[in-house]
C-alpha atoms as a PDB file:
ATOM      1  CA  SER A   1      75.184 142.032 -62.845  1.00  0.00           C
ATOM      2  CA  TRP A   2      77.620 144.564 -63.669  1.00  0.00           C
ATOM      3  CA  GLU A   3      81.391 144.018 -63.521  1.00  0.00           C
ATOM      4  CA  LEU A   4      82.586 146.648 -60.964  1.00  0.00           C
ATOM      5  CA  LYS A   5      85.873 147.595 -63.242  1.00  0.00           C
ATOM      6  CA  GLN A   6      83.646 148.446 -65.969  1.00  0.00           C
ATOM      7  CA  PHE A   7      81.767 151.517 -64.192  1.00  0.00           C
ATOM      8  CA  ASP A   8      84.087 152.092 -61.049  1.00  0.00           C
ATOM      9  CA  PRO A   9      87.342 153.749 -62.071  1.00  0.00           C
ATOM     10  CA  THR A  10      88.740 153.046 -58.635  1.00  0.00           C
ATOM     11  CA  TRP A  11      88.045 149.518 -59.083  1.00  0.00           C
ATOM     12  CA  THR A  12      91.177 147.675 -60.322  1.00  0.00           C
ATOM     13  CA  LYS A  13      90.411 143.929 -59.411  1.00  0.00           C
ATOM     14  CA  GLU A  14      89.188 141.616 -62.440  1.00  0.00           C
ATOM     15  CA  TYR A  15      86.309 140.294 -60.240  1.00  0.00           C
ATOM     16  CA  GLY A  16      83.760 142.235 -58.123  1.00  0.00           C
ATOM     17  CA  ARG A  17      80.218 142.862 -59.449  1.00  0.00           C
ATOM     18  CA  TYR A  18      77.296 144.823 -58.816  1.00  0.00           C
ATOM     19  CA  ALA A  19      73.972 142.565 -58.616  1.00  0.00           C
ATOM     20  CA  VAL A  20      70.662 143.597 -59.203  1.00  0.00           C
ATOM     21  CA  THR A  21      67.844 140.894 -58.257  1.00  0.00           C
ATOM     22  CA  MET A  22      64.198 141.050 -59.072  1.00  0.00           C
ATOM     23  CA  TYR A  23      61.776 138.485 -57.488  1.00  0.00           C
ATOM     24  CA  LYS A  24      58.188 138.008 -56.456  1.00  0.00           C
ATOM     25  CA  GLN A  25      57.333 137.707 -53.022  1.00  0.00           C
ATOM     26  CA  ASN A  26      53.571 137.408 -51.923  1.00  0.00           C
ATOM     27  CA  GLY A  27      52.508 138.571 -55.228  1.00  0.00           C
ATOM     28  CA  GLU A  28      54.324 141.411 -55.414  1.00  0.00           C
ATOM     29  CA  ILE A  29      57.637 142.528 -57.718  1.00  0.00           C
ATOM     30  CA  LYS A  30      60.363 143.221 -55.217  1.00  0.00           C
ATOM     31  CA  ALA A  31      64.213 144.396 -55.637  1.00  0.00           C
ATOM     32  CA  SER A  32      67.541 143.739 -53.958  1.00  0.00           C
ATOM     33  CA  THR A  33      70.841 145.267 -54.800  1.00  0.00           C
ATOM     34  CA  GLY A  34      74.557 144.272 -53.531  1.00  0.00           C
ATOM     35  CA  LEU A  35      78.070 143.752 -54.405  1.00  0.00           C
ATOM     36  CA  ARG A  36      79.277 139.963 -55.135  1.00  0.00           C
ATOM     37  CA  SER A  37      82.518 138.093 -56.204  1.00  0.00           C
ATOM     38  CA  VAL A  38      84.380 140.824 -54.275  1.00  0.00           C
ATOM     39  CA  ASP A  39      86.695 138.167 -52.941  1.00  0.00           C
ATOM     40  CA  GLY A  40      86.803 136.327 -56.405  1.00  0.00           C
ATOM     41  CA  ASP A  41      84.466 134.677 -58.919  1.00  0.00           C
ATOM     42  CA  SER A  42      82.833 131.695 -58.167  1.00  0.00           C
ATOM     43  CA  GLU A  43      83.474 128.639 -60.499  1.00  0.00           C
ATOM     44  CA  ARG A  44      80.155 128.949 -62.534  1.00  0.00           C
ATOM     45  CA  TYR A  45      80.530 132.752 -63.027  1.00  0.00           C
ATOM     46  CA  ALA A  46      83.975 132.379 -64.093  1.00  0.00           C
ATOM     47  CA  GLN A  47      83.024 130.156 -66.387  1.00  0.00           C
ATOM     48  CA  ILE A  48      80.037 132.578 -67.671  1.00  0.00           C
ATOM     49  CA  LYS A  49      82.644 135.199 -68.013  1.00  0.00           C
ATOM     50  CA  LYS A  50      85.113 133.207 -69.855  1.00  0.00           C
ATOM     51  CA  LEU A  51      82.724 131.763 -72.541  1.00  0.00           C
ATOM     52  CA  SER A  52      80.872 135.287 -72.828  1.00  0.00           C
ATOM     53  CA  CYS A  53      77.921 133.809 -74.650  1.00  0.00           C
ATOM     54  CA  ASN A  54      74.218 133.130 -74.541  1.00  0.00           C
ATOM     55  CA  MET A  55      73.651 129.912 -72.305  1.00  0.00           C
ATOM     56  CA  LEU A  56      71.709 127.457 -70.323  1.00  0.00           C
ATOM     57  CA  TRP A  57      73.115 127.017 -67.212  1.00  0.00           C
ATOM     58  CA  GLU A  58      73.366 123.407 -65.497  1.00  0.00           C
ATOM     59  CA  PRO A  59      70.567 122.703 -63.102  1.00  0.00           C
ATOM     60  CA  TYR A  60      71.015 123.310 -59.332  1.00  0.00           C
ATOM     61  CA  TRP A  61      69.294 123.579 -56.025  1.00  0.00           C
ATOM     62  CA  ASP A  62      68.728 127.059 -54.712  1.00  0.00           C
ATOM     63  CA  GLU A  63      66.409 128.999 -52.257  1.00  0.00           C
ATOM     64  CA  TYR A  64      63.269 130.025 -54.100  1.00  0.00           C
ATOM     65  CA  LEU A  65      61.278 132.908 -52.395  1.00  0.00           C
ATOM     66  CA  GLU A  66      57.597 133.172 -53.042  1.00  0.00           C
ATOM     67  CA  LYS A  67      55.581 133.248 -49.990  1.00  0.00           C
ATOM     68  CA  GLU A  68      58.605 131.555 -48.288  1.00  0.00           C
ATOM     69  CA  GLU A  69      61.947 130.450 -48.847  1.00  0.00           C
ATOM     70  CA  VAL A  70      62.152 126.918 -50.090  1.00  0.00           C
ATOM     71  CA  LYS A  71      64.999 124.778 -51.753  1.00  0.00           C
ATOM     72  CA  LYS A  72      64.007 124.446 -55.399  1.00  0.00           C
ATOM     73  CA  PHE A  73      65.600 122.728 -58.588  1.00  0.00           C
ATOM     74  CA  MET A  74      66.119 125.419 -61.186  1.00  0.00           C
ATOM     75  CA  THR A  75      68.178 126.354 -64.016  1.00  0.00           C
ATOM     76  CA  SER A  76      69.287 129.868 -65.393  1.00  0.00           C
ATOM     77  CA  ILE A  77      69.419 131.181 -69.105  1.00  0.00           C
ATOM     78  CA  SER A  78      72.014 134.290 -69.266  1.00  0.00           C
ATOM     79  CA  SER A  79      73.270 136.404 -71.869  1.00  0.00           C
ATOM     80  CA  PRO A  80      76.474 138.566 -71.513  1.00  0.00           C
ATOM     81  CA  ILE A  81      76.482 142.309 -71.494  1.00  0.00           C
ATOM     82  CA  LEU A  82      79.589 143.624 -73.640  1.00  0.00           C
ATOM     83  CA  LYS A  83      81.020 146.955 -73.741  1.00  0.00           C
ATOM     84  CA  ASN A  84      83.783 147.678 -76.590  1.00  0.00           C
ATOM     85  CA  ASN A  85      83.623 143.760 -77.169  1.00  0.00           C
ATOM     86  CA  GLU A  86      84.947 143.024 -73.593  1.00  0.00           C
ATOM     87  CA  PHE A  87      82.698 141.138 -70.941  1.00  0.00           C
ATOM     88  CA  ALA A  88      80.927 143.960 -69.067  1.00  0.00           C
ATOM     89  CA  GLY A  89      78.163 141.643 -67.070  1.00  0.00           C
ATOM     90  CA  ILE A  90      74.947 139.460 -67.741  1.00  0.00           C
ATOM     91  CA  VAL A  91      71.638 139.729 -67.614  1.00  0.00           C
ATOM     92  CA  ALA A  92      69.980 135.971 -66.476  1.00  0.00           C
ATOM     93  CA  ALA A  93      66.548 134.833 -65.402  1.00  0.00           C
ATOM     94  CA  ASP A  94      65.946 131.661 -63.300  1.00  0.00           C
ATOM     95  CA  ILE A  95      63.749 128.781 -64.644  1.00  0.00           C
ATOM     96  CA  LEU A  96      62.095 126.448 -62.112  1.00  0.00           C
ATOM     97  CA  MET A  97      62.330 122.825 -63.122  1.00  0.00           C
ATOM     98  CA  ASP A  98      58.711 121.967 -62.074  1.00  0.00           C
ATOM     99  CA  LYS A  99      57.203 122.501 -65.420  1.00  0.00           C
ATOM    100  CA  PHE A 100      59.877 120.228 -67.348  1.00  0.00           C
ATOM    101  CA  GLN A 101      58.995 117.556 -64.819  1.00  0.00           C
ATOM    102  CA  LYS A 102      55.175 117.565 -65.512  1.00  0.00           C
ATOM    103  CA  MET A 103      55.839 117.541 -69.457  1.00  0.00           C
ATOM    104  CA  ILE A 104      58.363 114.506 -68.990  1.00  0.00           C
ATOM    105  CA  SER A 105      56.004 112.668 -66.967  1.00  0.00           C
ATOM    106  CA  GLU A 106      53.473 113.013 -69.275  1.00  0.00           C
ATOM    107  CA  ILE A 107      55.164 111.821 -72.507  1.00  0.00           C
ATOM    108  CA  GLU A 108      54.261 108.274 -73.178  1.00  0.00           C
ATOM    109  CA  PRO A 109      54.356 107.379 -77.026  1.00  0.00           C
ATOM    110  CA  TYR A 110      54.100 103.535 -76.050  1.00  0.00           C
ATOM    111  CA  LYS A 111      52.697 101.843 -73.121  1.00  0.00           C
ATOM    112  CA  GLY A 112      55.680 101.504 -70.581  1.00  0.00           C
ATOM    113  CA  THR A 113      57.763 104.240 -71.635  1.00  0.00           C
ATOM    114  CA  VAL A 114      60.162 105.940 -69.588  1.00  0.00           C
ATOM    115  CA  ALA A 115      60.945 109.630 -70.485  1.00  0.00           C
ATOM    116  CA  PHE A 116      63.870 111.419 -69.250  1.00  0.00           C
ATOM    117  CA  LEU A 117      65.307 114.954 -69.557  1.00  0.00           C
ATOM    118  CA  SER A 118      69.207 115.221 -68.787  1.00  0.00           C
ATOM    119  CA  SER A 119      71.653 118.224 -68.457  1.00  0.00           C
ATOM    120  CA  ASN A 120      74.720 118.180 -70.355  1.00  0.00           C
ATOM    121  CA  GLU A 121      76.442 116.934 -67.391  1.00  0.00           C
ATOM    122  CA  GLY A 122      73.959 113.997 -66.823  1.00  0.00           C
ATOM    123  CA  ILE A 123      71.934 115.268 -64.155  1.00  0.00           C
ATOM    124  CA  ILE A 124      68.192 114.332 -64.170  1.00  0.00           C
ATOM    125  CA  VAL A 125      66.077 117.111 -64.670  1.00  0.00           C
ATOM    126  CA  GLY A 126      62.924 115.240 -65.561  1.00  0.00           C
ATOM    127  CA  HIS A 127      61.829 111.796 -64.841  1.00  0.00           C
ATOM    128  CA  HIS A 128      58.905 109.739 -64.440  1.00  0.00           C
ATOM    129  CA  LYS A 129      60.065 108.788 -61.075  1.00  0.00           C
ATOM    130  CA  SER A 130      60.240 112.290 -59.477  1.00  0.00           C
ATOM    131  CA  ASP A 131      62.432 111.402 -56.456  1.00  0.00           C
ATOM    132  CA  LEU A 132      65.320 110.957 -59.077  1.00  0.00           C
ATOM    133  CA  ILE A 133      65.359 114.743 -60.003  1.00  0.00           C
ATOM    134  CA  GLY A 134      68.813 116.080 -59.515  1.00  0.00           C
ATOM    135  CA  LYS A 135      70.680 112.763 -59.430  1.00  0.00           C
ATOM    136  CA  LYS A 136      73.287 111.641 -61.697  1.00  0.00           C
ATOM    137  CA  ILE A 137      71.845 109.541 -64.484  1.00  0.00           C
ATOM    138  CA  ILE A 138      75.073 107.145 -64.638  1.00  0.00           C
ATOM    139  CA  ASP A 139      73.830 106.375 -60.984  1.00  0.00           C
ATOM    140  CA  PHE A 140      70.392 105.231 -61.724  1.00  0.00           C
ATOM    141  CA  TYR A 141      71.327 103.663 -65.180  1.00  0.00           C
ATOM    142  CA  PRO A 142      74.950 102.249 -64.628  1.00  0.00           C
ATOM    143  CA  GLU A 143      73.864  99.255 -67.190  1.00  0.00           C
ATOM    144  CA  TYR A 144      73.174 101.750 -69.917  1.00  0.00           C
ATOM    145  CA  GLU A 145      76.560 103.398 -69.138  1.00  0.00           C
ATOM    146  CA  LYS A 146      78.587 100.182 -69.432  1.00  0.00           C
ATOM    147  CA  GLN A 147      76.409  99.455 -72.969  1.00  0.00           C
ATOM    148  CA  ILE A 148      76.655 102.575 -74.828  1.00  0.00           C
ATOM    149  CA  GLU A 149      78.462 105.213 -72.730  1.00  0.00           C
ATOM    150  CA  LEU A 150      75.003 107.121 -72.030  1.00  0.00           C
ATOM    151  CA  THR A 151      76.496 110.218 -70.512  1.00  0.00           C
ATOM    152  CA  LYS A 152      79.208 110.688 -73.209  1.00  0.00           C
ATOM    153  CA  LEU A 153      76.202 110.377 -75.867  1.00  0.00           C
ATOM    154  CA  ILE A 154      74.109 112.999 -73.711  1.00  0.00           C
ATOM    155  CA  LYS A 155      77.424 115.243 -73.368  1.00  0.00           C
ATOM    156  CA  GLN A 156      78.166 115.256 -77.191  1.00  0.00           C
ATOM    157  CA  GLY A 157      74.580 115.668 -78.196  1.00  0.00           C
ATOM    158  CA  ASP A 158      73.947 112.667 -80.378  1.00  0.00           C
ATOM    159  CA  ARG A 159      70.687 111.684 -81.500  1.00  0.00           C
ATOM    160  CA  GLN A 160      70.577 107.728 -81.370  1.00  0.00           C
ATOM    161  CA  VAL A 161      68.471 104.771 -81.227  1.00  0.00           C
ATOM    162  CA  PHE A 162      70.052 101.813 -79.435  1.00  0.00           C
ATOM    163  CA  TRP A 163      68.847  98.219 -78.411  1.00  0.00           C
ATOM    164  CA  VAL A 164      70.378  97.495 -74.934  1.00  0.00           C
ATOM    165  CA  LYS A 165      69.855  94.976 -71.869  1.00  0.00           C
ATOM    166  CA  ASP A 166      68.275  96.524 -68.692  1.00  0.00           C
ATOM    167  CA  LYS A 167      69.308  95.323 -64.961  1.00  0.00           C
ATOM    168  CA  ASN A 168      67.072  92.345 -65.772  1.00  0.00           C
ATOM    169  CA  ASN A 169      68.664  91.129 -68.768  1.00  0.00           C
ATOM    170  CA  GLN A 170      65.349  92.334 -70.856  1.00  0.00           C
ATOM    171  CA  SER A 171      65.908  93.841 -74.148  1.00  0.00           C
ATOM    172  CA  ILE A 172      65.068  97.784 -74.050  1.00  0.00           C
ATOM    173  CA  LEU A 173      64.960 100.565 -76.754  1.00  0.00           C
ATOM    174  CA  VAL A 174      66.699 103.739 -75.796  1.00  0.00           C
ATOM    175  CA  ALA A 175      66.160 106.813 -77.628  1.00  0.00           C
ATOM    176  CA  LEU A 176      68.111 110.323 -77.493  1.00  0.00           C
ATOM    177  CA  ALA A 177      67.532 113.385 -79.091  1.00  0.00           C
ATOM    178  CA  PRO A 178      69.737 116.508 -78.196  1.00  0.00           C
ATOM    179  CA  ILE A 179      68.114 120.023 -77.041  1.00  0.00           C
ATOM    180  CA  GLN A 180      70.249 122.789 -77.852  1.00  0.00           C
ATOM    181  CA  VAL A 181      69.506 126.188 -76.409  1.00  0.00           C
ATOM    182  CA  GLY A 182      71.920 129.226 -76.747  1.00  0.00           C
ATOM    183  CA  GLU A 183      75.302 129.153 -78.617  1.00  0.00           C
ATOM    184  CA  LEU A 184      77.152 126.997 -76.012  1.00  0.00           C
ATOM    185  CA  LYS A 185      77.743 123.564 -77.175  1.00  0.00           C
ATOM    186  CA  THR A 186      76.381 121.911 -74.284  1.00  0.00           C
ATOM    187  CA  PRO A 187      73.207 120.512 -75.283  1.00  0.00           C
ATOM    188  CA  TRP A 188      70.663 118.964 -72.862  1.00  0.00           C
ATOM    189  CA  SER A 189      68.872 115.713 -74.040  1.00  0.00           C
ATOM    190  CA  LEU A 190      65.609 113.855 -74.185  1.00  0.00           C
ATOM    191  CA  GLY A 191      65.787 110.158 -73.749  1.00  0.00           C
ATOM    192  CA  LEU A 192      62.867 107.712 -73.898  1.00  0.00           C
ATOM    193  CA  ILE A 193      63.258 103.979 -72.570  1.00  0.00           C
ATOM    194  CA  ILE A 194      60.913 101.466 -74.161  1.00  0.00           C
ATOM    195  CA  PRO A 195      60.412  97.557 -73.343  1.00  0.00           C
ATOM    196  CA  SER A 196      61.215  95.721 -76.370  1.00  0.00           C
ATOM    197  CA  LYS A 197      58.017  93.770 -76.074  1.00  0.00           C
ATOM    198  CA  THR A 198      56.015  96.889 -76.753  1.00  0.00           C
ATOM    199  CA  VAL A 199      57.872  97.947 -79.754  1.00  0.00           C
ATOM    200  CA  LEU A 200      57.788  94.397 -81.163  1.00  0.00           C
ATOM    201  CA  ALA A 201      54.240  94.216 -80.965  1.00  0.00           C
ATOM    202  CA  GLU A 202      53.769  96.624 -83.716  1.00  0.00           C
ATOM    203  CA  ALA A 203      53.511  94.490 -87.048  1.00  0.00           C
ATOM    204  CA  ASN A 204      56.187  96.731 -88.825  1.00  0.00           C
ATOM    205  CA  THR A 205      59.141  97.213 -86.538  1.00  0.00           C
ATOM    206  CA  THR A 206      61.029  99.304 -88.896  1.00  0.00           C
ATOM    207  CA  LYS A 207      58.238 101.621 -89.637  1.00  0.00           C
ATOM    208  CA  THR A 208      57.824 101.891 -85.965  1.00  0.00           C
ATOM    209  CA  LEU A 209      61.386 102.698 -85.127  1.00  0.00           C
ATOM    210  CA  SER A 210      61.310 105.518 -87.982  1.00  0.00           C
ATOM    211  CA  ILE A 211      58.223 106.893 -86.171  1.00  0.00           C
ATOM    212  CA  LEU A 212      60.027 106.694 -83.171  1.00  0.00           C
ATOM    213  CA  VAL A 213      62.741 108.836 -84.438  1.00  0.00           C
ATOM    214  CA  VAL A 214      60.647 111.272 -85.923  1.00  0.00           C
ATOM    215  CA  LEU A 215      58.651 111.838 -82.643  1.00  0.00           C
ATOM    216  CA  ILE A 216      61.497 112.153 -80.500  1.00  0.00           C
ATOM    217  CA  GLY A 217      62.905 114.896 -83.166  1.00  0.00           C
ATOM    218  CA  VAL A 218      59.896 116.548 -82.775  1.00  0.00           C
ATOM    219  CA  LEU A 219      59.841 116.497 -79.133  1.00  0.00           C
ATOM    220  CA  ALA A 220      63.061 117.828 -78.921  1.00  0.00           C
END
């Protein structure tokens, strides 16, 4: 997208852009063009302009066109275009979340482990239960939110290991590791939820926790 005011001398508004979109349909690469934001910037695009840095967007549902239009959960990565150190537009690419879901569902360092990937705002991007994709982590794990302020830890990008109680009052180990992409200080987080009986089954718990911290660091 190019800001109209950057190449159209007759355009005097602070919003309005010319967008070129490349997409794949039925095996062919196609393109479409058009004007956007002529009546004002959307909340997301206004934030992108304000921050003007490389960034990973919060995930969202949108129409995805391949053989036909379907709703897909995706994110976008973008980089600003600058002209004389002033925001002039962005180059962005959409990324489907399907591959992340597959990766997360295959993570099981210990039997009974539940892995999840959360956006900075606490939206579930990947989980062993695929029906939770796109939902808020605070709604599915309110007990962890109450005990350790899970969404706050995710938002801050904390790397921590905690003992908590699940909804059945069973001891659970929760491990978090931030995933930083781009310059924006809004990391996503990889989390592991492991039943205590699995962890404590190891002869050397301290060693096990050390291995776990190293493992989640590598995964992130």
